[in-house]
C-alpha atoms as a PDB file:
ATOM      1  CA  MET A   1      13.209 -13.327   7.050  1.00  0.00           C
ATOM      2  CA  ALA A   2      12.506 -16.884   8.196  1.00  0.00           C
ATOM      3  CA  ASN A   3       8.994 -18.242   8.758  1.00  0.00           C
ATOM      4  CA  GLY A   4       7.555 -14.740   8.514  1.00  0.00           C
ATOM      5  CA  VAL A   5       9.831 -13.418  11.276  1.00  0.00           C
ATOM      6  CA  PHE A   6      12.360 -10.635  10.711  1.00  0.00           C
ATOM      7  CA  GLU A   7      15.764 -10.803  12.364  1.00  0.00           C
ATOM      8  CA  TRP A   8      15.054  -7.825  14.630  1.00  0.00           C
ATOM      9  CA  GLU A   9      11.810  -9.445  15.808  1.00  0.00           C
ATOM     10  CA  LYS A  10      13.359 -12.700  17.008  1.00  0.00           C
ATOM     11  CA  PRO A  11      13.849 -11.712  20.689  1.00  0.00           C
ATOM     12  CA  LEU A  12      10.189 -10.680  20.867  1.00  0.00           C
ATOM     13  CA  VAL A  13       8.981 -13.806  19.081  1.00  0.00           C
ATOM     14  CA  GLU A  14      10.939 -16.018  21.463  1.00  0.00           C
ATOM     15  CA  LEU A  15       9.381 -14.225  24.414  1.00  0.00           C
ATOM     16  CA  GLU A  16       5.879 -14.579  22.956  1.00  0.00           C
ATOM     17  CA  LYS A  17       6.563 -18.262  22.359  1.00  0.00           C
ATOM     18  CA  ARG A  18       7.596 -18.692  26.000  1.00  0.00           C
ATOM     19  CA  ILE A  19       4.382 -16.998  27.165  1.00  0.00           C
ATOM     20  CA  ALA A  20       2.294 -19.287  24.955  1.00  0.00           C
ATOM     21  CA  GLU A  21       4.090 -22.346  26.329  1.00  0.00           C
ATOM     22  CA  LEU A  22       3.386 -21.310  29.921  1.00  0.00           C
ATOM     23  CA  GLN A  23      -0.263 -20.633  29.113  1.00  0.00           C
ATOM     24  CA  SER A  24      -0.590 -24.038  27.464  1.00  0.00           C
ATOM     25  CA  PHE A  25       1.183 -25.742  30.360  1.00  0.00           C
ATOM     26  CA  THR A  26      -1.150 -23.995  32.824  1.00  0.00           C
ATOM     27  CA  GLN A  27      -4.214 -25.270  31.006  1.00  0.00           C
ATOM     28  CA  GLU A  28      -2.917 -28.817  30.594  1.00  0.00           C
ATOM     29  CA  LYS A  29      -1.372 -29.339  34.044  1.00  0.00           C
ATOM     30  CA  ALA A  30      -3.603 -27.007  36.081  1.00  0.00           C
ATOM     31  CA  ILE A  31      -0.524 -25.328  37.575  1.00  0.00           C
ATOM     32  CA  ASP A  32      -0.809 -21.598  38.251  1.00  0.00           C
ATOM     33  CA  PHE A  33       1.841 -19.638  36.345  1.00  0.00           C
ATOM     34  CA  SER A  34      -0.222 -16.453  36.229  1.00  0.00           C
ATOM     35  CA  GLU A  35       2.406 -14.285  37.944  1.00  0.00           C
ATOM     36  CA  GLU A  36       5.192 -15.517  35.667  1.00  0.00           C
ATOM     37  CA  ILE A  37       2.976 -14.970  32.638  1.00  0.00           C
ATOM     38  CA  LYS A  38       2.091 -11.424  33.706  1.00  0.00           C
ATOM     39  CA  THR A  39       5.774 -10.610  34.214  1.00  0.00           C
ATOM     40  CA  LEU A  40       6.681 -11.939  30.784  1.00  0.00           C
ATOM     41  CA  GLU A  41       3.743 -10.138  29.155  1.00  0.00           C
ATOM     42  CA  ARG A  42       4.894  -6.823  30.636  1.00  0.00           C
ATOM     43  CA  LYS A  43       8.402  -7.510  29.368  1.00  0.00           C
ATOM     44  CA  ALA A  44       7.046  -8.443  25.936  1.00  0.00           C
ATOM     45  CA  GLU A  45       4.965  -5.277  25.698  1.00  0.00           C
ATOM     46  CA  SER A  46       7.942  -3.127  26.635  1.00  0.00           C
ATOM     47  CA  LEU A  47      10.169  -4.913  24.119  1.00  0.00           C
ATOM     48  CA  ARG A  48       7.475  -4.680  21.430  1.00  0.00           C
ATOM     49  CA  ARG A  49       7.208  -0.912  21.813  1.00  0.00           C
ATOM     50  CA  GLU A  50      10.988  -0.520  21.898  1.00  0.00           C
ATOM     51  CA  ILE A  51      11.480  -2.541  18.694  1.00  0.00           C
ATOM     52  CA  TYR A  52       8.730  -0.972  16.600  1.00  0.00           C
ATOM     53  CA  ALA A  53       9.355   2.587  17.778  1.00  0.00           C
ATOM     54  CA  ASN A  54      12.869   2.463  16.348  1.00  0.00           C
ATOM     55  CA  ILE A  55      12.592   0.579  13.069  1.00  0.00           C
ATOM     56  CA  THR A  56      14.534   1.992  10.145  1.00  0.00           C
ATOM     57  CA  PRO A  57      13.185   2.958   6.689  1.00  0.00           C
ATOM     58  CA  TRP A  58      14.648  -0.253   5.263  1.00  0.00           C
ATOM     59  CA  GLN A  59      12.885  -2.301   7.932  1.00  0.00           C
ATOM     60  CA  ARG A  60       9.615  -0.603   6.981  1.00  0.00           C
ATOM     61  CA  VAL A  61      10.248  -1.573   3.356  1.00  0.00           C
ATOM     62  CA  GLN A  62      10.679  -5.163   4.501  1.00  0.00           C
ATOM     63  CA  MET A  63       7.475  -4.987   6.535  1.00  0.00           C
ATOM     64  CA  ALA A  64       5.621  -3.685   3.474  1.00  0.00           C
ATOM     65  CA  ARG A  65       6.796  -6.855   1.700  1.00  0.00           C
ATOM     66  CA  HIS A  66       5.853  -9.317   4.436  1.00  0.00           C
ATOM     67  CA  LYS A  67       4.452 -12.469   2.867  1.00  0.00           C
ATOM     68  CA  ASP A  68       1.330 -12.304   5.076  1.00  0.00           C
ATOM     69  CA  ARG A  69       0.603  -8.609   4.559  1.00  0.00           C
ATOM     70  CA  PRO A  70      -2.992  -8.153   3.333  1.00  0.00           C
ATOM     71  CA  THR A  71      -3.392  -7.764  -0.412  1.00  0.00           C
ATOM     72  CA  THR A  72      -5.776  -5.566  -2.393  1.00  0.00           C
ATOM     73  CA  LEU A  73      -8.417  -8.309  -2.584  1.00  0.00           C
ATOM     74  CA  ASP A  74      -8.094  -8.901   1.171  1.00  0.00           C
ATOM     75  CA  TYR A  75      -8.821  -5.238   1.862  1.00  0.00           C
ATOM     76  CA  ILE A  76     -11.673  -5.153  -0.642  1.00  0.00           C
ATOM     77  CA  GLU A  77     -13.278  -8.121   1.101  1.00  0.00           C
ATOM     78  CA  MET A  78     -12.944  -6.543   4.553  1.00  0.00           C
ATOM     79  CA  ILE A  79     -13.869  -2.931   3.678  1.00  0.00           C
ATOM     80  CA  PHE A  80     -16.474  -3.077   0.912  1.00  0.00           C
ATOM     81  CA  ASP A  81     -19.730  -4.903   0.270  1.00  0.00           C
ATOM     82  CA  ASP A  82     -21.053  -6.529  -2.900  1.00  0.00           C
ATOM     83  CA  PHE A  83     -17.785  -6.342  -4.808  1.00  0.00           C
ATOM     84  CA  MET A  84     -18.220  -7.282  -8.468  1.00  0.00           C
ATOM     85  CA  GLU A  85     -14.898  -7.744 -10.231  1.00  0.00           C
ATOM     86  CA  LEU A  86     -14.721  -6.636 -13.857  1.00  0.00           C
ATOM     87  CA  HIS A  87     -12.184  -7.999 -16.303  1.00  0.00           C
ATOM     88  CA  GLY A  88     -10.295  -7.146 -19.457  1.00  0.00           C
ATOM     89  CA  ASP A  89      -8.861  -4.087 -21.164  1.00  0.00           C
ATOM     90  CA  ARG A  90     -10.941  -4.476 -24.374  1.00  0.00           C
ATOM     91  CA  THR A  91      -7.680  -4.577 -26.319  1.00  0.00           C
ATOM     92  CA  VAL A  92      -5.420  -7.525 -25.433  1.00  0.00           C
ATOM     93  CA  ARG A  93      -6.482  -9.588 -22.405  1.00  0.00           C
ATOM     94  CA  ASP A  94      -7.267  -9.552 -18.722  1.00  0.00           C
ATOM     95  CA  ASP A  95      -4.239  -8.859 -16.527  1.00  0.00           C
ATOM     96  CA  ALA A  96      -4.661 -10.547 -13.147  1.00  0.00           C
ATOM     97  CA  ALA A  97      -1.960  -8.287 -11.641  1.00  0.00           C
ATOM     98  CA  ILE A  98      -4.581  -5.504 -11.550  1.00  0.00           C
ATOM     99  CA  VAL A  99      -8.018  -6.075 -10.063  1.00  0.00           C
ATOM    100  CA  GLY A 100     -10.991  -3.750 -10.044  1.00  0.00           C
ATOM    101  CA  GLY A 101     -14.722  -3.463 -10.143  1.00  0.00           C
ATOM    102  CA  LEU A 102     -17.858  -2.123  -8.524  1.00  0.00           C
ATOM    103  CA  ALA A 103     -18.540  -2.170  -4.796  1.00  0.00           C
ATOM    104  CA  SER A 104     -20.659  -0.639  -2.080  1.00  0.00           C
ATOM    105  CA  LEU A 105     -19.303   1.367   0.859  1.00  0.00           C
ATOM    106  CA  ASN A 106     -21.932   2.003   3.502  1.00  0.00           C
ATOM    107  CA  GLY A 107     -24.562   2.062   0.754  1.00  0.00           C
ATOM    108  CA  ARG A 108     -22.516   4.328  -1.530  1.00  0.00           C
ATOM    109  CA  ALA A 109     -21.589   2.946  -4.971  1.00  0.00           C
ATOM    110  CA  VAL A 110     -17.847   3.172  -5.669  1.00  0.00           C
ATOM    111  CA  THR A 111     -15.256   1.815  -8.081  1.00  0.00           C
ATOM    112  CA  VAL A 112     -12.224   0.081  -6.555  1.00  0.00           C
ATOM    113  CA  VAL A 113      -8.968  -0.687  -8.385  1.00  0.00           C
ATOM    114  CA  GLY A 114      -5.528  -1.842  -7.379  1.00  0.00           C
ATOM    115  CA  PRO A 115      -2.563  -4.133  -8.094  1.00  0.00           C
ATOM    116  CA  GLN A 116      -2.888  -7.671  -6.743  1.00  0.00           C
ATOM    117  CA  LYS A 117       0.075  -9.693  -5.534  1.00  0.00           C
ATOM    118  CA  GLY A 118      -0.043 -13.415  -4.967  1.00  0.00           C
ATOM    119  CA  ARG A 119      -0.856 -14.365  -1.406  1.00  0.00           C
ATOM    120  CA  GLY A 120       1.959 -15.727   0.761  1.00  0.00           C
ATOM    121  CA  ARG A 121       4.029 -18.443  -0.851  1.00  0.00           C
ATOM    122  CA  ASP A 122       1.368 -19.734  -3.221  1.00  0.00           C
ATOM    123  CA  THR A 123       3.513 -20.192  -6.340  1.00  0.00           C
ATOM    124  CA  LYS A 124       0.520 -20.820  -8.600  1.00  0.00           C
ATOM    125  CA  GLU A 125      -1.168 -17.564  -7.584  1.00  0.00           C
ATOM    126  CA  ASN A 126       2.095 -15.620  -7.737  1.00  0.00           C
ATOM    127  CA  LEU A 127       2.522 -16.747 -11.338  1.00  0.00           C
ATOM    128  CA  LEU A 128      -1.108 -15.925 -12.142  1.00  0.00           C
ATOM    129  CA  ARG A 129      -0.648 -12.427 -10.711  1.00  0.00           C
ATOM    130  CA  ASN A 130       2.786 -12.021 -12.332  1.00  0.00           C
ATOM    131  CA  PHE A 131       4.116 -11.395  -8.807  1.00  0.00           C
ATOM    132  CA  GLY A 132       2.060  -8.205  -8.663  1.00  0.00           C
ATOM    133  CA  LEU A 133       3.805  -6.555 -11.633  1.00  0.00           C
ATOM    134  CA  PRO A 134       1.105  -5.173 -13.970  1.00  0.00           C
ATOM    135  CA  HIS A 135       1.315  -5.300 -17.746  1.00  0.00           C
ATOM    136  CA  PRO A 136       0.017  -2.471 -19.973  1.00  0.00           C
ATOM    137  CA  GLU A 137      -3.362  -4.215 -20.270  1.00  0.00           C
ATOM    138  CA  GLY A 138      -3.691  -4.113 -16.485  1.00  0.00           C
ATOM    139  CA  TYR A 139      -3.360  -0.343 -16.492  1.00  0.00           C
ATOM    140  CA  ARG A 140      -5.707  -0.085 -19.481  1.00  0.00           C
ATOM    141  CA  LYS A 141      -8.243  -2.113 -17.503  1.00  0.00           C
ATOM    142  CA  ALA A 142      -7.856   0.200 -14.492  1.00  0.00           C
ATOM    143  CA  LEU A 143      -8.259   3.243 -16.730  1.00  0.00           C
ATOM    144  CA  ARG A 144     -11.361   1.761 -18.384  1.00  0.00           C
ATOM    145  CA  LEU A 145     -12.958   1.187 -14.975  1.00  0.00           C
ATOM    146  CA  MET A 146     -12.076   4.673 -13.748  1.00  0.00           C
ATOM    147  CA  ARG A 147     -13.508   6.337 -16.836  1.00  0.00           C
ATOM    148  CA  GLN A 148     -16.641   4.249 -16.383  1.00  0.00           C
ATOM    149  CA  ALA A 149     -16.806   5.443 -12.774  1.00  0.00           C
ATOM    150  CA  ALA A 150     -16.621   9.066 -13.900  1.00  0.00           C
ATOM    151  CA  LYS A 151     -19.396   8.476 -16.445  1.00  0.00           C
ATOM    152  CA  PHE A 152     -21.729   7.215 -13.724  1.00  0.00           C
ATOM    153  CA  LYS A 153     -20.500   9.660 -11.046  1.00  0.00           C
ATOM    154  CA  ARG A 154     -19.007   6.995  -8.783  1.00  0.00           C
ATOM    155  CA  PRO A 155     -16.079   7.877  -6.485  1.00  0.00           C
ATOM    156  CA  ILE A 156     -12.861   5.960  -7.146  1.00  0.00           C
ATOM    157  CA  ILE A 157     -10.820   4.165  -4.479  1.00  0.00           C
ATOM    158  CA  SER A 158      -7.324   3.148  -5.577  1.00  0.00           C
ATOM    159  CA  LEU A 159      -5.471   0.706  -3.317  1.00  0.00           C
ATOM    160  CA  ILE A 160      -1.777   0.733  -4.209  1.00  0.00           C
ATOM    161  CA  ASP A 161       0.692  -2.050  -3.466  1.00  0.00           C
ATOM    162  CA  VAL A 162       3.156  -2.478  -6.318  1.00  0.00           C
ATOM    163  CA  VAL A 163       6.939  -2.376  -6.547  1.00  0.00           C
ATOM    164  CA  GLY A 164       6.643  -1.222 -10.168  1.00  0.00           C
ATOM    165  CA  ALA A 165       5.128  -1.971 -13.545  1.00  0.00           C
ATOM    166  CA  PHE A 166       6.330  -5.117 -15.323  1.00  0.00           C
ATOM    167  CA  PRO A 167       9.711  -4.237 -16.917  1.00  0.00           C
ATOM    168  CA  GLY A 168       9.788  -6.880 -19.654  1.00  0.00           C
ATOM    169  CA  VAL A 169      10.371  -6.182 -23.346  1.00  0.00           C
ATOM    170  CA  GLU A 170       6.880  -7.420 -24.229  1.00  0.00           C
ATOM    171  CA  ALA A 171       5.355  -4.844 -21.882  1.00  0.00           C
ATOM    172  CA  GLU A 172       7.233  -2.060 -23.617  1.00  0.00           C
ATOM    173  CA  GLU A 173       6.186  -3.452 -26.989  1.00  0.00           C
ATOM    174  CA  ARG A 174       2.550  -3.209 -25.889  1.00  0.00           C
ATOM    175  CA  GLY A 175       2.931   0.387 -24.740  1.00  0.00           C
ATOM    176  CA  GLN A 176       3.759   0.281 -21.025  1.00  0.00           C
ATOM    177  CA  GLY A 177       5.150   3.826 -20.839  1.00  0.00           C
ATOM    178  CA  VAL A 178       2.349   5.300 -22.924  1.00  0.00           C
ATOM    179  CA  VAL A 179      -0.468   3.703 -20.925  1.00  0.00           C
ATOM    180  CA  ILE A 180       1.058   4.842 -17.613  1.00  0.00           C
ATOM    181  CA  ALA A 181       1.182   8.390 -18.984  1.00  0.00           C
ATOM    182  CA  GLU A 182      -2.425   8.071 -20.166  1.00  0.00           C
ATOM    183  CA  CYS A 183      -3.550   6.911 -16.716  1.00  0.00           C
ATOM    184  CA  ILE A 184      -1.873   9.905 -15.104  1.00  0.00           C
ATOM    185  CA  ARG A 185      -3.418  12.289 -17.643  1.00  0.00           C
ATOM    186  CA  TYR A 186      -6.947  10.925 -17.440  1.00  0.00           C
ATOM    187  CA  MET A 187      -6.967  10.593 -13.634  1.00  0.00           C
ATOM    188  CA  SER A 188      -5.911  14.221 -13.382  1.00  0.00           C
ATOM    189  CA  PHE A 189      -9.134  15.364 -15.054  1.00  0.00           C
ATOM    190  CA  LEU A 190     -11.767  12.841 -13.915  1.00  0.00           C
ATOM    191  CA  GLU A 191     -14.659  14.773 -12.363  1.00  0.00           C
ATOM    192  CA  VAL A 192     -15.296  12.447  -9.423  1.00  0.00           C
ATOM    193  CA  PRO A 193     -13.606  12.144  -6.014  1.00  0.00           C
ATOM    194  CA  ILE A 194     -10.506   9.937  -6.082  1.00  0.00           C
ATOM    195  CA  ILE A 195      -8.914   8.536  -2.925  1.00  0.00           C
ATOM    196  CA  CYS A 196      -5.597   6.697  -3.215  1.00  0.00           C
ATOM    197  CA  ILE A 197      -4.200   4.591  -0.394  1.00  0.00           C
ATOM    198  CA  ILE A 198      -0.698   3.136  -0.440  1.00  0.00           C
ATOM    199  CA  THR A 199      -1.192  -0.095   1.484  1.00  0.00           C
ATOM    200  CA  GLY A 200       2.253  -1.621   0.992  1.00  0.00           C
ATOM    201  CA  GLU A 201       4.720  -0.789  -1.736  1.00  0.00           C
ATOM    202  CA  GLY A 202       4.401   2.313  -3.877  1.00  0.00           C
ATOM    203  CA  GLY A 203       7.091   2.035  -6.478  1.00  0.00           C
ATOM    204  CA  SER A 204       7.777   4.292  -9.458  1.00  0.00           C
ATOM    205  CA  GLY A 205       5.357   4.742 -12.362  1.00  0.00           C
ATOM    206  CA  GLY A 206       3.679   1.478 -11.449  1.00  0.00           C
ATOM    207  CA  ALA A 207       2.201   3.214  -8.423  1.00  0.00           C
ATOM    208  CA  LEU A 208       1.810   6.710  -9.858  1.00  0.00           C
ATOM    209  CA  ALA A 209      -0.242   5.350 -12.776  1.00  0.00           C
ATOM    210  CA  ILE A 210      -3.139   4.756 -10.387  1.00  0.00           C
ATOM    211  CA  GLY A 211      -2.064   7.252  -7.733  1.00  0.00           C
ATOM    212  CA  VAL A 212      -3.377  10.599  -8.967  1.00  0.00           C
ATOM    213  CA  GLY A 213      -6.121  11.526  -6.521  1.00  0.00           C
ATOM    214  CA  ASP A 214      -7.710  14.195  -4.382  1.00  0.00           C
ATOM    215  CA  ARG A 215      -6.489  12.481  -1.227  1.00  0.00           C
ATOM    216  CA  LEU A 216      -3.352  10.378  -0.900  1.00  0.00           C
ATOM    217  CA  LEU A 217      -3.268   8.266   2.260  1.00  0.00           C
ATOM    218  CA  MET A 218      -0.604   5.839   3.365  1.00  0.00           C
ATOM    219  CA  LEU A 219      -0.360   2.998   5.855  1.00  0.00           C
ATOM    220  CA  GLU A 220       2.263   3.472   8.532  1.00  0.00           C
ATOM    221  CA  ASN A 221       4.615   0.749   7.272  1.00  0.00           C
ATOM    222  CA  ALA A 222       4.172   1.364   3.548  1.00  0.00           C
ATOM    223  CA  TRP A 223       6.724   3.057   1.288  1.00  0.00           C
ATOM    224  CA  TYR A 224       6.344   5.380  -1.707  1.00  0.00           C
ATOM    225  CA  SER A 225       9.187   6.425  -3.973  1.00  0.00           C
ATOM    226  CA  VAL A 226      10.252   7.112  -7.537  1.00  0.00           C
ATOM    227  CA  ILE A 227      12.376   3.956  -7.353  1.00  0.00           C
ATOM    228  CA  SER A 228      12.857   0.916  -5.131  1.00  0.00           C
ATOM    229  CA  PRO A 229      15.786   0.996  -2.678  1.00  0.00           C
ATOM    230  CA  GLU A 230      17.505  -1.883  -4.495  1.00  0.00           C
ATOM    231  CA  MET A 231      17.338  -0.225  -7.901  1.00  0.00           C
ATOM    232  CA  CYS A 232      18.425   3.097  -6.418  1.00  0.00           C
ATOM    233  CA  ALA A 233      21.451   1.418  -4.814  1.00  0.00           C
ATOM    234  CA  GLN A 234      22.291  -0.318  -8.096  1.00  0.00           C
ATOM    235  CA  ILE A 235      22.156   2.932 -10.065  1.00  0.00           C
ATOM    236  CA  LEU A 236      24.024   5.092  -7.541  1.00  0.00           C
ATOM    237  CA  TRP A 237      26.611   2.655  -6.217  1.00  0.00           C
ATOM    238  CA  LYS A 238      26.392  -0.442  -8.450  1.00  0.00           C
ATOM    239  CA  ASP A 239      25.633  -2.392  -5.285  1.00  0.00           C
ATOM    240  CA  THR A 240      22.157  -3.621  -4.291  1.00  0.00           C
ATOM    241  CA  GLY A 241      23.639  -4.544  -0.927  1.00  0.00           C
ATOM    242  CA  ARG A 242      23.388  -0.851  -0.039  1.00  0.00           C
ATOM    243  CA  ALA A 243      19.578  -0.882  -0.323  1.00  0.00           C
ATOM    244  CA  ALA A 244      19.210   0.013   3.370  1.00  0.00           C
ATOM    245  CA  GLU A 245      21.332   3.119   2.807  1.00  0.00           C
ATOM    246  CA  ALA A 246      19.273   4.009  -0.257  1.00  0.00           C
ATOM    247  CA  ALA A 247      16.048   3.673   1.739  1.00  0.00           C
ATOM    248  CA  GLU A 248      17.397   6.283   4.161  1.00  0.00           C
ATOM    249  CA  VAL A 249      18.233   8.883   1.516  1.00  0.00           C
ATOM    250  CA  LEU A 250      15.056   8.352  -0.537  1.00  0.00           C
ATOM    251  CA  HIS A 251      12.815   9.585   2.320  1.00  0.00           C
ATOM    252  CA  LEU A 252      10.220   7.005   1.314  1.00  0.00           C
ATOM    253  CA  THR A 253       8.417   6.410   4.621  1.00  0.00           C
ATOM    254  CA  ALA A 254       4.944   7.661   5.456  1.00  0.00           C
ATOM    255  CA  ALA A 255       6.333  10.045   8.072  1.00  0.00           C
ATOM    256  CA  ASP A 256       8.813  11.539   5.576  1.00  0.00           C
ATOM    257  CA  LEU A 257       6.177  12.002   2.888  1.00  0.00           C
ATOM    258  CA  ARG A 258       3.710  13.543   5.326  1.00  0.00           C
ATOM    259  CA  ALA A 259       6.378  16.061   6.337  1.00  0.00           C
ATOM    260  CA  LEU A 260       7.012  16.820   2.655  1.00  0.00           C
ATOM    261  CA  GLY A 261       3.313  17.475   2.088  1.00  0.00           C
ATOM    262  CA  ILE A 262       3.039  14.718  -0.519  1.00  0.00           C
ATOM    263  CA  ILE A 263       0.562  12.562   1.388  1.00  0.00           C
ATOM    264  CA  ASP A 264      -2.433  13.783   3.373  1.00  0.00           C
ATOM    265  CA  GLU A 265      -2.669  11.268   6.200  1.00  0.00           C
ATOM    266  CA  VAL A 266      -0.741   8.407   7.783  1.00  0.00           C
ATOM    267  CA  LEU A 267      -2.958   5.484   8.789  1.00  0.00           C
ATOM    268  CA  SER A 268      -1.772   3.574  11.848  1.00  0.00           C
ATOM    269  CA  GLU A 269      -1.014  -0.147  11.907  1.00  0.00           C
ATOM    270  CA  PRO A 270      -0.827  -2.571  14.835  1.00  0.00           C
ATOM    271  CA  LEU A 271       2.620  -2.933  16.386  1.00  0.00           C
ATOM    272  CA  GLY A 272       4.411  -5.392  14.151  1.00  0.00           C
ATOM    273  CA  GLY A 273       2.577  -4.528  10.938  1.00  0.00           C
ATOM    274  CA  ALA A 274      -0.755  -4.914   9.170  1.00  0.00           C
ATOM    275  CA  HIS A 275      -0.418  -8.707   8.990  1.00  0.00           C
ATOM    276  CA  ARG A 276      -0.732  -8.858  12.783  1.00  0.00           C
ATOM    277  CA  ASN A 277      -4.336  -7.621  12.690  1.00  0.00           C
ATOM    278  CA  PRO A 278      -5.765  -7.125   9.171  1.00  0.00           C
ATOM    279  CA  GLN A 279      -9.271  -6.450  10.509  1.00  0.00           C
ATOM    280  CA  GLN A 280      -8.031  -3.544  12.627  1.00  0.00           C
ATOM    281  CA  VAL A 281      -6.162  -2.017   9.691  1.00  0.00           C
ATOM    282  CA  SER A 282      -9.187  -2.450   7.420  1.00  0.00           C
ATOM    283  CA  ALA A 283     -11.411  -0.689   9.958  1.00  0.00           C
ATOM    284  CA  THR A 284      -8.929   2.212  10.091  1.00  0.00           C
ATOM    285  CA  MET A 285      -8.866   2.423   6.298  1.00  0.00           C
ATOM    286  CA  LYS A 286     -12.648   2.255   6.010  1.00  0.00           C
ATOM    287  CA  GLU A 287     -13.142   5.076   8.493  1.00  0.00           C
ATOM    288  CA  ALA A 288     -10.611   7.243   6.639  1.00  0.00           C
ATOM    289  CA  ILE A 289     -12.139   6.546   3.224  1.00  0.00           C
ATOM    290  CA  ILE A 290     -15.642   7.432   4.400  1.00  0.00           C
ATOM    291  CA  ARG A 291     -14.415  10.587   6.148  1.00  0.00           C
ATOM    292  CA  HIS A 292     -12.515  11.854   3.119  1.00  0.00           C
ATOM    293  CA  LEU A 293     -15.306  10.929   0.701  1.00  0.00           C
ATOM    294  CA  ASP A 294     -17.763  12.928   2.812  1.00  0.00           C
ATOM    295  CA  GLU A 295     -15.442  15.948   2.609  1.00  0.00           C
ATOM    296  CA  LEU A 296     -14.854  15.602  -1.146  1.00  0.00           C
ATOM    297  CA  ALA A 297     -18.572  15.171  -1.867  1.00  0.00           C
ATOM    298  CA  THR A 298     -19.136  18.806  -0.917  1.00  0.00           C
ATOM    299  CA  ILE A 299     -16.681  20.130  -3.534  1.00  0.00           C
ATOM    300  CA  PRO A 300     -17.960  20.917  -7.066  1.00  0.00           C
ATOM    301  CA  ALA A 301     -16.445  18.734  -9.801  1.00  0.00           C
ATOM    302  CA  ASP A 302     -14.608  21.557 -11.589  1.00  0.00           C
ATOM    303  CA  GLN A 303     -13.085  22.777  -8.349  1.00  0.00           C
ATOM    304  CA  LEU A 304     -12.110  19.192  -7.470  1.00  0.00           C
ATOM    305  CA  VAL A 305     -10.101  18.932 -10.689  1.00  0.00           C
ATOM    306  CA  ARG A 306      -8.408  22.312 -10.157  1.00  0.00           C
ATOM    307  CA  GLN A 307      -7.358  21.360  -6.645  1.00  0.00           C
ATOM    308  CA  ARG A 308      -6.083  17.972  -7.811  1.00  0.00           C
ATOM    309  CA  LEU A 309      -3.929  19.556 -10.505  1.00  0.00           C
ATOM    310  CA  ALA A 310      -2.607  22.132  -8.062  1.00  0.00           C
ATOM    311  CA  ARG A 311      -1.545  19.549  -5.479  1.00  0.00           C
ATOM    312  CA  PHE A 312       0.540  17.564  -7.991  1.00  0.00           C
ATOM    313  CA  ARG A 313       2.059  20.646  -9.585  1.00  0.00           C
ATOM    314  CA  LYS A 314       3.205  21.711  -6.138  1.00  0.00           C
ATOM    315  CA  ILE A 315       5.220  18.494  -5.724  1.00  0.00           C
ATOM    316  CA  GLY A 316       7.565  19.648  -8.493  1.00  0.00           C
ATOM    317  CA  ASP A 317       7.908  23.190  -7.137  1.00  0.00           C
ATOM    318  CA  LEU A 318      11.493  23.803  -6.051  1.00  0.00           C
ATOM    319  CA  ARG A 319      10.186  26.290  -3.490  1.00  0.00           C
ATOM    320  CA  SER A 320       8.211  23.554  -1.729  1.00  0.00           C
ATOM    321  CA  PRO A 321       9.342  22.002   1.617  1.00  0.00           C
ATOM    322  CA  ILE A 322      11.125  19.206  -0.268  1.00  0.00           C
ATOM    323  CA  THR A 323      14.225  21.459  -0.443  1.00  0.00           C
ATOM    324  CA  SER A 324      14.542  21.290   3.324  1.00  0.00           C
ATOM    325  CA  PHE A 325      16.202  17.883   2.966  1.00  0.00           C
ATOM    326  CA  SER A 326      19.906  17.942   2.279  1.00  0.00           C
ATOM    327  CA  ASN A 327      20.164  14.477   0.704  1.00  0.00           C
END
C-alpha cells in the first residue's frame, strides 16, 4: 500500500483524480466540462462497485489495517457523549494500548473499553500505544472497569481492534495468559448487557479477552480469527508469503462468521472502507448498539448469563454449522 492506496484501488483512484482535476479546471477557467465529468463519475461508480464487490478475504484483512481506519478513541468520540477515561490496573501501571472509561449513550450510562492503536504514521503515538498490542495490565484495567460496570449496573460496550496480545517475554512474566483467561471467565458471568463490536482486527486471545458478550457485531471489512493469516501461514507452511491463502482457509470475514453463527450482525461500511466515511460508520454502529441494548435490557440478569454461556458453548459443538466447511 502506497499513500493509503491499495494496489487493486489504483485504477479507481486515478479516475477519481481525473474527475477532481476536471472539476478544478472548470472552476478556475470557467470552461464547462460537466458532461465529461458526469461520464467519468458514472464510470467511477461502476468501477467502485466492481472492485469492492469482489475483494478477497486477504484484501479485507488489509482494509482492516488501513492506516487511516478509525481507532477505538475515534469511535468513542463520534458515538458517545461525556467520555471520561479511567486509567491503571491497580497492580503495575496504566497500559495505553487499552483504553476505557465511563460514557453516555443517548442519556444511558455505559462503560466502554477497547484496544487503542496509534493513529496513522504517528511514530510517537504508536510507541505510546505499543502498536495496539496490550500488556497484561491493559487487560487487568479492562477487567477492573467491566467489574465496576457490573457493580453499578452499567451496560458494557467493547470495541475490538487488535491483532493479538503483546507476545513479549515480559508480558508472559506478568501473567498474560492468566489475565486473558480471567477476562474470559469474568465476562462470562457479569450480570449486565455486554455488546462487543469488532471494528478492525480481531486476533486470537487478544480479541477474545474482551470479546465475551451477549451480542457480537462486526464491521463489514473487519476480520476475526484464532490467529492472524501471517502466523497461520508460518505455522502451516513455514511461509508468511502465503498469508492470502491462509486468510481464505481461516474463514475470518464477517460474512463467513455470520454464516457460522458466531457473530450476530454485520455492520455495513462505505465502499472502500470505514476510513472513507468514519461518521457514517459511527452512525451505523450507534444505531446498532442502541437497538441491541434495548433488546437486552428486557432480559433478566440471570437469563442473560445463561444465554451468554450457551452461545459460546455452541461455538465448540462439533454438531454446529462449522462442520459444513471442508477446510
